[in-house]
C-alpha cells in the first residue's frame, strides 16, 4: 500500500484537518505526493509571478492557517500524464464522498481542474458552503 514520505506528511500537516483526513485516505488507494499545503507570502507571490497561481498573497486558500488548499500529484511525477491526474482526481472525489457527512456538511471540495483560465490538476481546496 502506498504511503506518504516524511516530506509529504510535513506539507500535509500545514493543511486543514479535513484535507489531512481526505489525503490520508487517498494515498491508501492511489500513490500521491503532496507538493504544497500552506504558502507564506514570498512563496505565494513567487507562484503568482511564475503563473502557477492566479492570486497574490493573501488571497489564496493556500495562505490560510491551516491551509484550505493542497496541491498533490500522482507518484512518480510525470507532468505530461494527464490520464494519471484524471485518475487521481476521481479517487480524491470518491474519497470525499465517502467521508463522514457530519464532517463535510458545511464544506464543499473544489478541484482546480474546474477553474476557468488556469486548469490546475494538482489543486484541491475546501470552501464553506453558502
Protein backbone atom coordinates (compact mmCIF):
# COMPACT_ATOMS: atom_id res chain seq x y z
CA UNK A 1 0.00 0.00 0.00
CA UNK A 2 1.38 3.45 -0.88
CA UNK A 3 2.24 5.83 1.92
CA UNK A 4 3.48 9.37 2.25
CA UNK A 5 7.11 10.33 2.58
CA UNK A 6 8.03 12.45 5.60
CA UNK A 7 8.29 15.50 3.32
CA UNK A 8 4.72 14.96 2.07
CA UNK A 9 3.47 14.46 5.63
CA UNK A 10 5.17 17.67 6.76
CA UNK A 11 3.45 19.57 3.95
CA UNK A 12 0.11 17.88 4.61
CA UNK A 13 0.26 18.81 8.30
CA UNK A 14 0.02 22.51 7.30
CA UNK A 15 -3.46 21.81 5.87
CA UNK A 16 -6.94 21.92 7.36
CA UNK A 17 -7.78 18.70 9.25
CA UNK A 18 -10.43 17.76 6.64
CA UNK A 19 -7.80 17.87 3.88
CA UNK A 20 -5.44 15.81 6.03
CA UNK A 21 -8.07 13.11 6.59
CA UNK A 22 -9.00 13.16 2.91
CA UNK A 23 -5.43 12.81 1.63
CA UNK A 24 -4.58 10.10 4.14
CA UNK A 25 -7.48 8.15 2.64
CA UNK A 26 -6.48 8.91 -0.94
CA UNK A 27 -2.90 7.69 -0.52
CA UNK A 28 -4.20 4.27 0.54
CA UNK A 29 -5.81 3.92 -2.91
CA UNK A 30 -3.57 5.95 -5.20
CA UNK A 31 0.11 6.84 -4.81
CA UNK A 32 0.41 10.62 -4.47
CA UNK A 33 2.94 13.20 -3.36
CA UNK A 34 1.98 16.39 -1.53
CA UNK A 35 3.64 19.34 -3.25
CA UNK A 36 2.21 22.15 -1.17
CA UNK A 37 -0.07 22.95 1.71
CA UNK A 38 0.38 26.33 3.36
CA UNK A 39 2.24 29.04 1.44
CA UNK A 40 3.75 32.09 3.06
CA UNK A 41 3.83 35.50 1.40
CA UNK A 42 7.07 35.06 -0.55
CA UNK A 43 6.14 31.59 -1.77
CA UNK A 44 2.64 32.70 -2.83
CA UNK A 45 3.87 35.73 -4.70
CA UNK A 46 6.53 33.61 -6.41
CA UNK A 47 3.81 31.14 -7.51
CA UNK A 48 1.81 34.08 -8.87
CA UNK A 49 4.83 35.52 -10.71
CA UNK A 50 5.59 32.10 -12.25
CA UNK A 51 1.99 31.79 -13.49
CA UNK A 52 1.25 28.87 -11.15
CA UNK A 53 -1.38 30.81 -9.23
CA UNK A 54 -3.93 33.43 -10.25
CA UNK A 55 -3.84 35.01 -6.81
CA UNK A 56 -1.32 37.13 -4.91
CA UNK A 57 -0.78 36.92 -1.16
CA UNK A 58 -3.02 36.68 0.94
CA UNK A 59 -5.91 35.78 -1.40
CA UNK A 60 -5.13 32.08 -1.98
CA UNK A 61 -6.65 29.26 0.07
CA UNK A 62 -3.01 28.16 0.49
CA UNK A 63 -2.38 31.30 2.58
CA UNK A 64 -4.82 30.44 5.36
CA UNK A 65 -3.65 28.83 8.58
CA UNK A 66 -4.34 25.99 8.40
CA UNK A 67 -4.29 25.88 4.61
CA UNK A 68 -7.66 25.27 2.97
CA UNK A 69 -5.87 24.06 -0.17
CA UNK A 70 -3.46 21.29 -1.03
CA UNK A 71 -1.52 20.52 -4.20
CA UNK A 72 -0.92 16.84 -4.91
CA UNK A 73 0.45 14.88 -7.85
CA UNK A 74 0.49 11.23 -8.88
CA UNK A 75 3.71 9.45 -7.92
CA UNK A 76 6.02 9.05 -9.73
CA UNK A 77 5.59 12.57 -11.10
CA UNK A 78 5.00 12.83 -14.84
CA UNK A 79 3.54 16.24 -15.71
CA UNK A 80 2.60 15.00 -19.19
CA UNK A 81 0.47 12.09 -17.95
CA UNK A 82 -2.89 13.84 -17.74
CA UNK A 83 -4.64 10.46 -17.55
CA UNK A 84 -2.89 9.82 -14.21
CA UNK A 85 -4.04 13.23 -12.96
CA UNK A 86 -7.60 12.40 -14.04
CA UNK A 87 -7.49 9.06 -12.19
CA UNK A 88 -6.05 10.77 -9.12
CA UNK A 89 -8.79 13.39 -9.19
CA UNK A 90 -11.50 10.76 -9.40
CA UNK A 91 -10.03 8.95 -6.39
CA UNK A 92 -9.94 12.22 -4.42
CA UNK A 93 -13.56 12.99 -5.29
CA UNK A 94 -14.65 9.44 -4.40
CA UNK A 95 -12.84 9.57 -1.05
CA UNK A 96 -14.50 12.93 -0.31
CA UNK A 97 -17.92 11.40 -0.97
CA UNK A 98 -17.12 8.56 1.43
CA UNK A 99 -16.10 10.85 4.29
CA UNK A 100 -18.37 11.33 7.30
CA UNK A 101 -21.17 13.71 6.24
CA UNK A 102 -21.08 15.31 9.68
CA UNK A 103 -17.51 16.39 8.93
CA UNK A 104 -18.09 17.59 5.38
CA UNK A 105 -21.62 19.06 5.59
CA UNK A 106 -20.56 22.69 5.76
CA UNK A 107 -17.75 22.32 3.21
CA UNK A 108 -17.51 21.64 -0.48
CA UNK A 109 -14.44 20.26 -2.23
CA UNK A 110 -13.29 22.04 -5.37
CA UNK A 111 -10.79 20.58 -7.83
CA UNK A 112 -8.55 23.05 -9.67
CA UNK A 113 -9.24 21.16 -12.88
CA UNK A 114 -12.56 23.03 -12.97
CA UNK A 115 -11.02 26.52 -12.71
CA UNK A 116 -11.58 28.91 -15.58
CA UNK A 117 -8.43 30.32 -17.12
CA UNK A 118 -5.91 28.22 -15.20
CA UNK A 119 -6.61 24.49 -15.18
CA UNK A 120 -4.84 23.30 -12.03
CA UNK A 121 -4.87 19.49 -11.86
CA UNK A 122 -2.86 19.24 -8.60
CA UNK A 123 -5.02 21.71 -6.64
CA UNK A 124 -7.84 20.77 -4.28
CA UNK A 125 -9.47 23.21 -1.89
CA UNK A 126 -12.31 23.31 0.56
CA UNK A 127 -14.86 26.12 0.62
CA UNK A 128 -17.57 26.87 3.11
CA UNK A 129 -20.99 26.21 1.64
CA UNK A 130 -23.46 29.02 1.34
